[in-house]
Amino acid sequence: GEGKRTDYVPGAVVVVGTLALNRT
């Protein structure tokens, strides 16, 4: 999202956000 950034994180991570499916 706008204004948010992250560095690489080694190992497993948990992501929480809104799912969007690509159908087309």
PDB file of all heavy atoms in Angstrom:
ATOM      1  N   GLY A   1       0.818  -1.213   0.000  1.00  0.00           N
ATOM      2  CA  GLY A   1       0.000   0.000   0.000  1.00  0.00           C
ATOM      3  C   GLY A   1       0.849   1.258   0.000  1.00  0.00           C
ATOM      4  O   GLY A   1       2.064   1.236   0.262  1.00  0.00           O
ATOM      5  N   GLU A   2       0.213   2.362  -0.284  1.00  0.00           N
ATOM      6  CA  GLU A   2       0.908   3.634  -0.450  1.00  0.00           C
ATOM      7  C   GLU A   2       1.658   4.021   0.824  1.00  0.00           C
ATOM      8  O   GLU A   2       1.104   3.984   1.925  1.00  0.00           O
ATOM      9  CB  GLU A   2      -0.095   4.731  -0.824  1.00  0.00           C
ATOM     10  CG  GLU A   2       0.560   6.055  -1.190  1.00  0.00           C
ATOM     11  CD  GLU A   2      -0.442   7.081  -1.689  1.00  0.00           C
ATOM     12  OE1 GLU A   2      -1.623   6.696  -1.879  1.00  0.00           O
ATOM     13  OE2 GLU A   2      -0.047   8.246  -1.866  1.00  0.00           O
ATOM     14  N   GLY A   3       2.925   4.387   0.638  1.00  0.00           N
ATOM     15  CA  GLY A   3       3.731   4.866   1.746  1.00  0.00           C
ATOM     16  C   GLY A   3       4.320   3.780   2.620  1.00  0.00           C
ATOM     17  O   GLY A   3       5.048   4.080   3.575  1.00  0.00           O
ATOM     18  N   LYS A   4       4.055   2.506   2.322  1.00  0.00           N
ATOM     19  CA  LYS A   4       4.580   1.410   3.133  1.00  0.00           C
ATOM     20  C   LYS A   4       5.655   0.662   2.357  1.00  0.00           C
ATOM     21  O   LYS A   4       5.509   0.400   1.167  1.00  0.00           O
ATOM     22  CB  LYS A   4       3.468   0.433   3.517  1.00  0.00           C
ATOM     23  CG  LYS A   4       2.379   1.042   4.386  1.00  0.00           C
ATOM     24  CD  LYS A   4       1.321  -0.002   4.729  1.00  0.00           C
ATOM     25  CE  LYS A   4       0.221   0.576   5.582  1.00  0.00           C
ATOM     26  NZ  LYS A   4      -0.818  -0.443   5.900  1.00  0.00           N
ATOM     27  N   ARG A   5       6.736   0.315   3.048  1.00  0.00           N
ATOM     28  CA  ARG A   5       7.827  -0.419   2.419  1.00  0.00           C
ATOM     29  C   ARG A   5       8.371  -1.435   3.419  1.00  0.00           C
ATOM     30  O   ARG A   5       8.205  -1.294   4.632  1.00  0.00           O
ATOM     31  CB  ARG A   5       8.948   0.533   1.966  1.00  0.00           C
ATOM     32  CG  ARG A   5       8.473   1.618   1.017  1.00  0.00           C
ATOM     33  CD  ARG A   5       9.609   2.574   0.652  1.00  0.00           C
ATOM     34  NE  ARG A   5      10.560   1.980  -0.276  1.00  0.00           N
ATOM     35  CZ  ARG A   5      10.381   1.902  -1.583  1.00  0.00           C
ATOM     36  NH1 ARG A   5       9.281   2.387  -2.134  1.00  0.00           N
ATOM     37  NH2 ARG A   5      11.295   1.366  -2.359  1.00  0.00           N
ATOM     38  N   THR A   6       9.019  -2.452   2.888  1.00  0.00           N
ATOM     39  CA  THR A   6       9.640  -3.447   3.754  1.00  0.00           C
ATOM     40  C   THR A   6      10.928  -3.936   3.141  1.00  0.00           C
ATOM     41  O   THR A   6      11.069  -3.995   1.913  1.00  0.00           O
ATOM     42  CB  THR A   6       8.690  -4.645   3.999  1.00  0.00           C
ATOM     43  OG1 THR A   6       9.306  -5.542   4.937  1.00  0.00           O
ATOM     44  CG2 THR A   6       8.408  -5.408   2.724  1.00  0.00           C
ATOM     45  N   ASP A   7      11.888  -4.274   3.994  1.00  0.00           N
ATOM     46  CA  ASP A   7      13.097  -4.934   3.553  1.00  0.00           C
ATOM     47  C   ASP A   7      12.846  -6.435   3.469  1.00  0.00           C
ATOM     48  O   ASP A   7      11.864  -6.952   4.009  1.00  0.00           O
ATOM     49  CB  ASP A   7      14.243  -4.661   4.537  1.00  0.00           C
ATOM     50  CG  ASP A   7      14.714  -3.221   4.492  1.00  0.00           C
ATOM     51  OD1 ASP A   7      14.980  -2.718   3.376  1.00  0.00           O
ATOM     52  OD2 ASP A   7      14.806  -2.600   5.561  1.00  0.00           O
ATOM     53  N   TYR A   8      13.753  -7.132   2.809  1.00  0.00           N
ATOM     54  CA  TYR A   8      13.667  -8.588   2.723  1.00  0.00           C
ATOM     55  C   TYR A   8      13.790  -9.204   4.115  1.00  0.00           C
ATOM     56  O   TYR A   8      14.636  -8.802   4.917  1.00  0.00           O
ATOM     57  CB  TYR A   8      14.784  -9.118   1.817  1.00  0.00           C
ATOM     58  CG  TYR A   8      14.945 -10.616   1.858  1.00  0.00           C
ATOM     59  CD1 TYR A   8      14.015 -11.449   1.245  1.00  0.00           C
ATOM     60  CD2 TYR A   8      16.015 -11.199   2.526  1.00  0.00           C
ATOM     61  CE1 TYR A   8      14.155 -12.829   1.286  1.00  0.00           C
ATOM     62  CE2 TYR A   8      16.174 -12.573   2.571  1.00  0.00           C
ATOM     63  CZ  TYR A   8      15.237 -13.385   1.951  1.00  0.00           C
ATOM     64  OH  TYR A   8      15.379 -14.740   2.000  1.00  0.00           O
ATOM     65  N   VAL A   9      12.928 -10.171   4.384  1.00  0.00           N
ATOM     66  CA  VAL A   9      12.952 -10.875   5.663  1.00  0.00           C
ATOM     67  C   VAL A   9      13.240 -12.348   5.376  1.00  0.00           C
ATOM     68  O   VAL A   9      12.460 -13.012   4.688  1.00  0.00           O
ATOM     69  CB  VAL A   9      11.606 -10.747   6.403  1.00  0.00           C
ATOM     70  CG1 VAL A   9      11.648 -11.535   7.709  1.00  0.00           C
ATOM     71  CG2 VAL A   9      11.274  -9.285   6.658  1.00  0.00           C
ATOM     72  N   PRO A  10      14.358 -12.903   5.846  1.00  0.00           N
ATOM     73  CA  PRO A  10      14.634 -14.330   5.613  1.00  0.00           C
ATOM     74  C   PRO A  10      13.722 -15.203   6.447  1.00  0.00           C
ATOM     75  O   PRO A  10      13.243 -14.800   7.504  1.00  0.00           O
ATOM     76  CB  PRO A  10      16.098 -14.476   6.049  1.00  0.00           C
ATOM     77  CG  PRO A  10      16.297 -13.385   7.063  1.00  0.00           C
ATOM     78  CD  PRO A  10      15.432 -12.244   6.613  1.00  0.00           C
ATOM     79  N   GLY A  11      13.483 -16.407   5.957  1.00  0.00           N
ATOM     80  CA  GLY A  11      12.607 -17.323   6.682  1.00  0.00           C
ATOM     81  C   GLY A  11      11.142 -17.030   6.413  1.00  0.00           C
ATOM     82  O   GLY A  11      10.780 -16.141   5.631  1.00  0.00           O
ATOM     83  N   ALA A  12      10.287 -17.784   7.057  1.00  0.00           N
ATOM     84  CA  ALA A  12       8.842 -17.654   6.831  1.00  0.00           C
ATOM     85  C   ALA A  12       8.313 -16.339   7.406  1.00  0.00           C
ATOM     86  O   ALA A  12       8.777 -15.859   8.440  1.00  0.00           O
ATOM     87  CB  ALA A  12       8.110 -18.832   7.462  1.00  0.00           C
ATOM     88  N   VAL A  13       7.338 -15.772   6.709  1.00  0.00           N
ATOM     89  CA  VAL A  13       6.648 -14.569   7.180  1.00  0.00           C
ATOM     90  C   VAL A  13       5.146 -14.788   7.073  1.00  0.00           C
ATOM     91  O   VAL A  13       4.673 -15.647   6.323  1.00  0.00           O
ATOM     92  CB  VAL A  13       7.046 -13.313   6.373  1.00  0.00           C
ATOM     93  CG1 VAL A  13       8.517 -13.009   6.538  1.00  0.00           C
ATOM     94  CG2 VAL A  13       6.678 -13.472   4.897  1.00  0.00           C
ATOM     95  N   VAL A  14       4.405 -13.995   7.833  1.00  0.00           N
ATOM     96  CA  VAL A  14       2.947 -14.000   7.766  1.00  0.00           C
ATOM     97  C   VAL A  14       2.504 -12.692   7.138  1.00  0.00           C
ATOM     98  O   VAL A  14       2.929 -11.609   7.565  1.00  0.00           O
ATOM     99  CB  VAL A  14       2.321 -14.145   9.169  1.00  0.00           C
ATOM    100  CG1 VAL A  14       0.795 -14.114   9.076  1.00  0.00           C
ATOM    101  CG2 VAL A  14       2.782 -15.428   9.832  1.00  0.00           C
ATOM    102  N   VAL A  15       1.665 -12.797   6.113  1.00  0.00           N
ATOM    103  CA  VAL A  15       1.135 -11.623   5.433  1.00  0.00           C
ATOM    104  C   VAL A  15      -0.359 -11.534   5.705  1.00  0.00           C
ATOM    105  O   VAL A  15      -1.082 -12.523   5.568  1.00  0.00           O
ATOM    106  CB  VAL A  15       1.390 -11.708   3.912  1.00  0.00           C
ATOM    107  CG1 VAL A  15       0.638 -10.618   3.183  1.00  0.00           C
ATOM    108  CG2 VAL A  15       2.883 -11.626   3.623  1.00  0.00           C
ATOM    109  N   VAL A  16      -0.824 -10.366   6.110  1.00  0.00           N
ATOM    110  CA  VAL A  16      -2.250 -10.134   6.339  1.00  0.00           C
ATOM    111  C   VAL A  16      -2.688  -8.979   5.459  1.00  0.00           C
ATOM    112  O   VAL A  16      -2.101  -7.896   5.507  1.00  0.00           O
ATOM    113  CB  VAL A  16      -2.543  -9.822   7.824  1.00  0.00           C
ATOM    114  CG1 VAL A  16      -4.031  -9.553   8.018  1.00  0.00           C
ATOM    115  CG2 VAL A  16      -2.084 -10.957   8.723  1.00  0.00           C
ATOM    116  N   GLY A  17      -3.694  -9.219   4.621  1.00  0.00           N
ATOM    117  CA  GLY A  17      -4.187  -8.178   3.726  1.00  0.00           C
ATOM    118  C   GLY A  17      -5.434  -8.643   3.018  1.00  0.00           C
ATOM    119  O   GLY A  17      -6.055  -9.649   3.396  1.00  0.00           O
ATOM    120  N   THR A  18      -5.821  -7.928   1.982  1.00  0.00           N
ATOM    121  CA  THR A  18      -7.059  -8.202   1.258  1.00  0.00           C
ATOM    122  C   THR A  18      -6.768  -9.010  -0.009  1.00  0.00           C
ATOM    123  O   THR A  18      -5.986  -8.580  -0.859  1.00  0.00           O
ATOM    124  CB  THR A  18      -7.775  -6.898   0.874  1.00  0.00           C
ATOM    125  OG1 THR A  18      -8.028  -6.130   2.056  1.00  0.00           O
ATOM    126  CG2 THR A  18      -9.105  -7.191   0.177  1.00  0.00           C
ATOM    127  N   LEU A  19      -7.406 -10.163  -0.132  1.00  0.00           N
ATOM    128  CA  LEU A  19      -7.182 -11.025  -1.289  1.00  0.00           C
ATOM    129  C   LEU A  19      -7.900 -10.483  -2.515  1.00  0.00           C
ATOM    130  O   LEU A  19      -9.070 -10.092  -2.455  1.00  0.00           O
ATOM    131  CB  LEU A  19      -7.689 -12.440  -0.984  1.00  0.00           C
ATOM    132  CG  LEU A  19      -7.566 -13.454  -2.129  1.00  0.00           C
ATOM    133  CD1 LEU A  19      -6.112 -13.748  -2.439  1.00  0.00           C
ATOM    134  CD2 LEU A  19      -8.312 -14.742  -1.788  1.00  0.00           C
ATOM    135  N   ALA A  20      -7.193 -10.482  -3.653  1.00  0.00           N
ATOM    136  CA  ALA A  20      -7.783 -10.128  -4.944  1.00  0.00           C
ATOM    137  C   ALA A  20      -7.446 -11.236  -5.936  1.00  0.00           C
ATOM    138  O   ALA A  20      -6.271 -11.576  -6.108  1.00  0.00           O
ATOM    139  CB  ALA A  20      -7.243  -8.787  -5.432  1.00  0.00           C
ATOM    140  N   LEU A  21      -8.466 -11.793  -6.576  1.00  0.00           N
ATOM    141  CA  LEU A  21      -8.277 -12.873  -7.539  1.00  0.00           C
ATOM    142  C   LEU A  21      -8.267 -12.313  -8.953  1.00  0.00           C
ATOM    143  O   LEU A  21      -9.051 -11.429  -9.297  1.00  0.00           O
ATOM    144  CB  LEU A  21      -9.404 -13.911  -7.409  1.00  0.00           C
ATOM    145  CG  LEU A  21      -9.548 -14.594  -6.055  1.00  0.00           C
ATOM    146  CD1 LEU A  21     -10.735 -15.557  -6.075  1.00  0.00           C
ATOM    147  CD2 LEU A  21      -8.270 -15.330  -5.670  1.00  0.00           C
ATOM    148  N   ASN A  22      -7.386 -12.840  -9.781  1.00  0.00           N
ATOM    149  CA  ASN A  22      -7.304 -12.446 -11.187  1.00  0.00           C
ATOM    150  C   ASN A  22      -8.013 -13.498 -12.034  1.00  0.00           C
ATOM    151  O   ASN A  22      -7.557 -14.633 -12.141  1.00  0.00           O
ATOM    152  CB  ASN A  22      -5.830 -12.315 -11.596  1.00  0.00           C
ATOM    153  CG  ASN A  22      -5.659 -12.177 -13.101  1.00  0.00           C
ATOM    154  OD1 ASN A  22      -6.561 -11.720 -13.800  1.00  0.00           O
ATOM    155  ND2 ASN A  22      -4.510 -12.587 -13.588  1.00  0.00           N
ATOM    156  N   ARG A  23      -9.135 -13.140 -12.635  1.00  0.00           N
ATOM    157  CA  ARG A  23      -9.926 -14.077 -13.437  1.00  0.00           C
ATOM    158  C   ARG A  23      -9.771 -13.872 -14.941  1.00  0.00           C
ATOM    159  O   ARG A  23     -10.186 -14.736 -15.718  1.00  0.00           O
ATOM    160  CB  ARG A  23     -11.404 -13.936 -13.079  1.00  0.00           C
ATOM    161  CG  ARG A  23     -11.726 -14.250 -11.629  1.00  0.00           C
ATOM    162  CD  ARG A  23     -13.206 -13.976 -11.345  1.00  0.00           C
ATOM    163  NE  ARG A  23     -13.568 -14.304  -9.976  1.00  0.00           N
ATOM    164  CZ  ARG A  23     -13.362 -13.495  -8.937  1.00  0.00           C
ATOM    165  NH1 ARG A  23     -12.805 -12.302  -9.133  1.00  0.00           N
ATOM    166  NH2 ARG A  23     -13.719 -13.862  -7.719  1.00  0.00           N
ATOM    167  N   THR A  24      -9.186 -12.743 -15.355  1.00  0.00           N
ATOM    168  CA  THR A  24      -9.287 -12.375 -16.769  1.00  0.00           C
ATOM    169  C   THR A  24      -7.967 -12.125 -17.484  1.00  0.00           C
ATOM    170  O   THR A  24      -7.942 -12.097 -18.713  1.00  0.00           O
ATOM    171  CB  THR A  24     -10.142 -11.097 -16.912  1.00  0.00           C
ATOM    172  OG1 THR A  24      -9.535 -10.043 -16.137  1.00  0.00           O
ATOM    173  CG2 THR A  24     -11.556 -11.347 -16.407  1.00  0.00           C
TER     174      THR A  24
END
